[in-house]
Amino acid sequence: MTKLKSKSAVITGGSSGIGKAIVELFLQEGADVGIFDKNEKAVSEQLEKYKLEGRNVVSYCGDVSNSGDVGQAFNHFKGKFGEIDILVNCAGVDNTVLLEDMSLDVWSKMIDVHLTGTFLCTKQVITGMKKSGWGRIINFSSQLAHKGAASMVHYCAAKAGIMGFTRALAYELSDSGVTVNCVNPGPIDTPLLRSIPQDWLDQKKSELPIKRFGHVSEVAPAVLLLASDDGGYFMGASMNMNGGDYMI
């Protein structure tokens, strides 16, 4: 499988959940992969496994919402791979709290990791992609950006911001050979989802027409499509994957 042969990709939040599934699929498809993640232990274990398999993968441990960390991370990746062909902004945090009980720190953390992190990482790759005339920027929004959810105002706002960011940037880059799209998953069975209180999860599962949460293996192929030459006609798209929780 060589859909991404000779391509370099950076995946933020690549140490677990959806990000990890994307890393593994991209490696199988021949890409050189950089993992940008805060979880040093998890990334170290991944690298050991991938290197034993002969994969070309490097990592940088840092915070996507910190401009210094982001600059150092991409200098590291570009030093290994040259300019980056594919960026997947997948890093995220999640929690539930009513707005009336929400602190500014909780609000800011959600916005910073999701929206500011997407902004900072994307800025690092645009110039190189435009020069080469080819690039793929894939962001992660959420079906909750459309639908909303009680106790998740901060999360919904951040994800809606990513959707707007994606659509606007797609216009900016429409004639450059660089595509910009986002994937909007519903609840996917990941460590991040499992960190949410069980009563919220039980209620959410009961609302889904499909009556189950998604699997990371069901999300990664959609990202591969958007990252490959096959995805060249997708521009500014919001790909909804949600078990029927939000149907359009």
Protein backbone atom coordinates (compact mmCIF):
# COMPACT_ATOMS: atom_id res chain seq x y z
CA MET A 1 0.00 0.00 0.00
CA THR A 2 1.66 3.19 -1.20
CA LYS A 3 -0.93 5.95 -1.41
CA LEU A 4 1.38 8.26 0.55
CA LYS A 5 4.74 7.08 -0.77
CA SER A 6 7.37 9.85 -0.73
CA LYS A 7 5.08 12.11 1.31
CA SER A 8 5.90 13.54 4.72
CA ALA A 9 3.18 13.99 7.31
CA VAL A 10 2.89 15.50 10.77
CA ILE A 11 0.11 14.28 13.05
CA THR A 12 -0.57 16.20 16.26
CA GLY A 13 -1.99 14.17 19.12
CA GLY A 14 -0.53 11.08 17.48
CA SER A 15 0.18 9.05 20.61
CA SER A 16 -3.33 7.72 21.23
CA GLY A 17 -6.84 7.37 19.93
CA ILE A 18 -7.66 8.70 16.47
CA GLY A 19 -4.24 10.30 16.05
CA LYS A 20 -2.45 7.03 16.72
CA ALA A 21 -4.67 5.19 14.23
CA ILE A 22 -3.83 7.82 11.60
CA VAL A 23 -0.11 7.50 12.29
CA GLU A 24 -0.24 3.73 11.83
CA LEU A 25 -2.30 3.91 8.63
CA PHE A 26 -0.08 6.61 7.11
CA LEU A 27 3.03 4.54 7.87
CA GLN A 28 1.43 1.53 6.20
CA GLU A 29 0.77 3.71 3.15
CA GLY A 30 4.43 4.70 2.84
CA ALA A 31 4.53 8.15 4.44
CA ASP A 32 7.35 9.53 6.57
CA VAL A 33 5.61 10.55 9.79
CA GLY A 34 6.27 13.07 12.52
CA ILE A 35 4.33 12.70 15.78
CA PHE A 36 3.75 15.90 17.80
CA ASP A 37 2.32 15.05 21.21
CA LYS A 38 2.69 15.88 24.92
CA ASN A 39 2.70 12.27 26.14
CA GLU A 40 6.41 11.49 26.15
CA LYS A 41 6.05 7.95 27.51
CA ALA A 42 3.44 6.90 24.96
CA VAL A 43 5.40 8.42 22.08
CA SER A 44 8.61 6.71 23.19
CA GLU A 45 6.87 3.33 23.22
CA GLN A 46 5.43 3.98 19.76
CA LEU A 47 8.79 4.93 18.30
CA GLU A 48 10.43 1.79 19.63
CA LYS A 49 7.74 -0.34 17.97
CA TYR A 50 7.78 1.52 14.66
CA LYS A 51 11.57 1.53 14.38
CA LEU A 52 11.64 -2.23 14.92
CA GLU A 53 9.24 -2.44 11.97
CA GLY A 54 11.60 -0.30 9.88
CA ARG A 55 9.24 2.69 9.70
CA ASN A 56 10.54 6.22 9.08
CA VAL A 57 9.01 8.09 12.01
CA VAL A 58 10.25 10.83 14.35
CA SER A 59 8.63 12.67 17.22
CA TYR A 60 8.62 15.88 19.20
CA CYS A 61 7.05 16.15 22.65
CA GLY A 62 5.46 19.50 23.31
CA ASP A 63 2.30 21.59 23.54
CA VAL A 64 0.52 22.53 20.31
CA SER A 65 -0.83 25.68 21.96
CA ASN A 66 2.67 26.95 22.83
CA SER A 67 4.21 28.90 19.96
CA GLY A 68 7.77 28.09 21.09
CA ASP A 69 7.08 24.36 21.21
CA VAL A 70 5.38 24.47 17.83
CA GLY A 71 8.30 26.30 16.20
CA GLN A 72 10.84 23.87 17.61
CA ALA A 73 8.72 20.86 16.65
CA PHE A 74 8.40 21.86 13.03
CA ASN A 75 12.06 22.84 12.78
CA HIS A 76 12.77 19.29 13.98
CA PHE A 77 10.40 17.67 11.50
CA LYS A 78 11.62 19.77 8.57
CA GLY A 79 15.19 18.95 9.49
CA LYS A 80 14.35 15.26 9.12
CA PHE A 81 11.95 15.33 6.17
CA GLY A 82 12.26 18.69 4.43
CA GLU A 83 9.01 20.58 3.89
CA ILE A 84 5.87 18.91 5.21
CA ASP A 85 3.35 17.62 2.66
CA ILE A 86 0.50 16.66 4.99
CA LEU A 87 -0.61 18.13 8.32
CA VAL A 88 -3.27 16.49 10.48
CA ASN A 89 -4.36 18.69 13.41
CA CYS A 90 -5.73 16.04 15.74
CA ALA A 91 -4.51 17.06 19.22
CA GLY A 92 -7.32 17.71 21.66
CA VAL A 93 -8.63 17.80 25.21
CA ASP A 94 -12.13 17.12 26.49
CA ASN A 95 -14.15 17.62 29.66
CA THR A 96 -17.67 18.52 30.73
CA VAL A 97 -18.72 21.48 32.88
CA LEU A 98 -21.73 23.81 32.92
CA LEU A 99 -20.96 27.30 31.65
CA GLU A 100 -22.04 28.88 34.94
CA ASP A 101 -19.40 26.77 36.72
CA MET A 102 -16.69 27.14 34.06
CA SER A 103 -13.49 28.94 34.98
CA LEU A 104 -11.60 31.12 32.52
CA ASP A 105 -8.69 28.66 32.75
CA VAL A 106 -10.90 25.74 31.65
CA TRP A 107 -12.35 27.82 28.80
CA SER A 108 -8.94 29.06 27.67
CA LYS A 109 -7.35 25.60 27.74
CA MET A 110 -10.03 24.22 25.44
CA ILE A 111 -9.75 27.10 22.97
CA ASP A 112 -5.95 27.14 23.10
CA VAL A 113 -5.37 23.44 22.42
CA HIS A 114 -8.00 23.04 19.70
CA LEU A 115 -8.20 26.37 17.90
CA THR A 116 -4.91 28.13 18.65
CA GLY A 117 -3.03 24.85 18.22
CA THR A 118 -4.57 24.38 14.79
CA PHE A 119 -3.63 27.96 13.86
CA LEU A 120 -0.01 27.67 15.06
CA CYS A 121 0.71 24.32 13.41
CA THR A 122 -0.97 25.25 10.14
CA LYS A 123 1.10 28.43 9.83
CA GLN A 124 4.24 26.27 9.92
CA VAL A 125 3.40 24.37 6.73
CA ILE A 126 1.56 26.74 4.39
CA THR A 127 4.57 28.42 2.77
CA GLY A 128 6.30 25.14 1.94
CA MET A 129 3.13 23.58 0.58
CA LYS A 130 2.43 26.57 -1.66
CA LYS A 131 5.98 26.50 -3.01
CA SER A 132 5.67 22.83 -3.93
CA GLY A 133 2.17 23.27 -5.38
CA TRP A 134 0.80 20.37 -3.33
CA GLY A 135 -0.32 19.97 0.25
CA ARG A 136 -3.00 18.58 2.52
CA ILE A 137 -4.23 20.23 5.73
CA ILE A 138 -6.75 18.13 7.64
CA ASN A 139 -8.30 19.50 10.81
CA PHE A 140 -10.46 17.81 13.42
CA SER A 141 -13.72 19.49 14.29
CA SER A 142 -16.72 17.60 15.70
CA GLN A 143 -20.37 16.90 14.99
CA LEU A 144 -20.97 18.95 18.16
CA ALA A 145 -19.84 22.03 16.23
CA HIS A 146 -23.16 21.64 14.39
CA LYS A 147 -25.32 20.18 17.14
CA GLY A 148 -24.11 21.60 20.44
CA ALA A 149 -24.20 19.80 23.78
CA ALA A 150 -24.98 20.74 27.36
CA SER A 151 -21.92 21.00 29.62
CA MET A 152 -19.65 21.33 26.55
CA VAL A 153 -20.05 24.97 25.50
CA HIS A 154 -16.26 25.46 25.46
CA TYR A 155 -15.66 22.32 23.38
CA CYS A 156 -18.45 23.15 20.91
CA ALA A 157 -17.16 26.71 20.51
CA ALA A 158 -13.60 25.53 19.86
CA LYS A 159 -14.72 22.93 17.32
CA ALA A 160 -17.03 25.39 15.54
CA GLY A 161 -14.05 27.73 15.33
CA ILE A 162 -12.01 25.02 13.64
CA MET A 163 -14.78 24.50 11.09
CA GLY A 164 -14.83 28.21 10.25
CA PHE A 165 -11.03 28.30 10.15
CA THR A 166 -11.04 25.38 7.70
CA ARG A 167 -13.57 26.90 5.33
CA ALA A 168 -11.92 30.33 5.28
CA LEU A 169 -8.42 28.93 4.74
CA ALA A 170 -9.72 26.72 1.94
CA TYR A 171 -10.70 29.89 0.08
CA GLU A 172 -7.25 31.42 0.70
CA LEU A 173 -5.46 28.37 -0.70
CA SER A 174 -7.94 27.31 -3.36
CA ASP A 175 -5.65 28.02 -6.33
CA SER A 176 -2.40 26.81 -4.75
CA GLY A 177 -2.69 23.02 -4.99
CA VAL A 178 -3.18 22.85 -1.21
CA THR A 179 -6.46 21.40 0.08
CA VAL A 180 -7.92 22.22 3.49
CA ASN A 181 -10.66 20.05 5.00
CA CYS A 182 -11.94 18.91 8.36
CA VAL A 183 -13.31 15.69 9.79
CA ASN A 184 -16.22 15.94 12.22
CA PRO A 185 -16.44 12.72 14.24
CA GLY A 186 -19.19 11.88 16.62
CA PRO A 187 -18.25 10.00 19.79
CA ILE A 188 -15.33 7.68 19.01
CA ASP A 189 -14.09 5.11 21.53
CA THR A 190 -10.77 6.66 22.60
CA PRO A 191 -9.02 7.39 25.91
CA LEU A 192 -10.15 11.01 25.52
CA LEU A 193 -13.81 10.00 25.26
CA ARG A 194 -13.47 7.59 28.18
CA SER A 195 -12.27 10.48 30.36
CA ILE A 196 -15.79 11.98 30.25
CA PRO A 197 -18.18 11.02 33.10
CA GLN A 198 -19.95 7.71 32.54
CA ASP A 199 -23.45 9.13 32.91
CA TRP A 200 -22.77 11.53 30.02
CA LEU A 201 -21.44 8.65 27.90
CA ASP A 202 -24.44 6.46 28.67
CA GLN A 203 -26.85 9.22 27.72
CA LYS A 204 -24.96 9.97 24.51
CA LYS A 205 -24.91 6.32 23.43
CA SER A 206 -28.66 6.05 23.99
CA GLU A 207 -29.20 9.04 21.66
CA LEU A 208 -27.27 7.58 18.75
CA PRO A 209 -29.43 5.93 16.05
CA ILE A 210 -26.59 3.44 15.49
CA LYS A 211 -26.49 2.74 19.28
CA ARG A 212 -22.73 2.51 19.58
CA PHE A 213 -19.64 4.69 19.61
CA GLY A 214 -17.34 4.69 16.61
CA HIS A 215 -13.94 3.02 16.36
CA VAL A 216 -10.69 4.73 15.42
CA SER A 217 -10.35 2.27 12.55
CA GLU A 218 -13.50 3.82 11.06
CA VAL A 219 -12.07 7.35 11.12
CA ALA A 220 -8.50 6.90 9.88
CA PRO A 221 -9.49 5.79 6.32
CA ALA A 222 -11.42 9.03 5.82
CA VAL A 223 -8.31 10.99 6.75
CA LEU A 224 -6.25 8.89 4.34
CA LEU A 225 -8.65 9.77 1.54
CA LEU A 226 -8.30 13.49 2.26
CA ALA A 227 -4.50 13.17 2.54
CA SER A 228 -3.98 11.30 -0.72
CA ASP A 229 -4.17 12.29 -4.38
CA ASP A 230 -7.63 10.69 -4.39
CA GLY A 231 -8.82 13.52 -2.15
CA GLY A 232 -7.77 16.32 -4.47
CA TYR A 233 -11.33 17.46 -5.19
CA PHE A 234 -12.26 17.91 -1.52
CA MET A 235 -11.85 21.56 -0.52
CA GLY A 236 -13.31 23.19 2.58
CA ALA A 237 -15.31 20.04 3.28
CA SER A 238 -16.65 19.05 6.69
CA MET A 239 -16.76 15.26 6.67
CA ASN A 240 -19.35 14.16 9.25
CA MET A 241 -18.87 10.76 10.92
CA ASN A 242 -21.30 10.53 13.78
CA GLY A 243 -23.39 7.38 14.01
CA GLY A 244 -26.43 9.36 12.93
CA ASP A 245 -26.25 11.80 15.86
CA TYR A 246 -26.27 14.67 13.38
CA MET A 247 -27.55 13.77 9.92
CA ILE A 248 -27.42 16.10 6.92
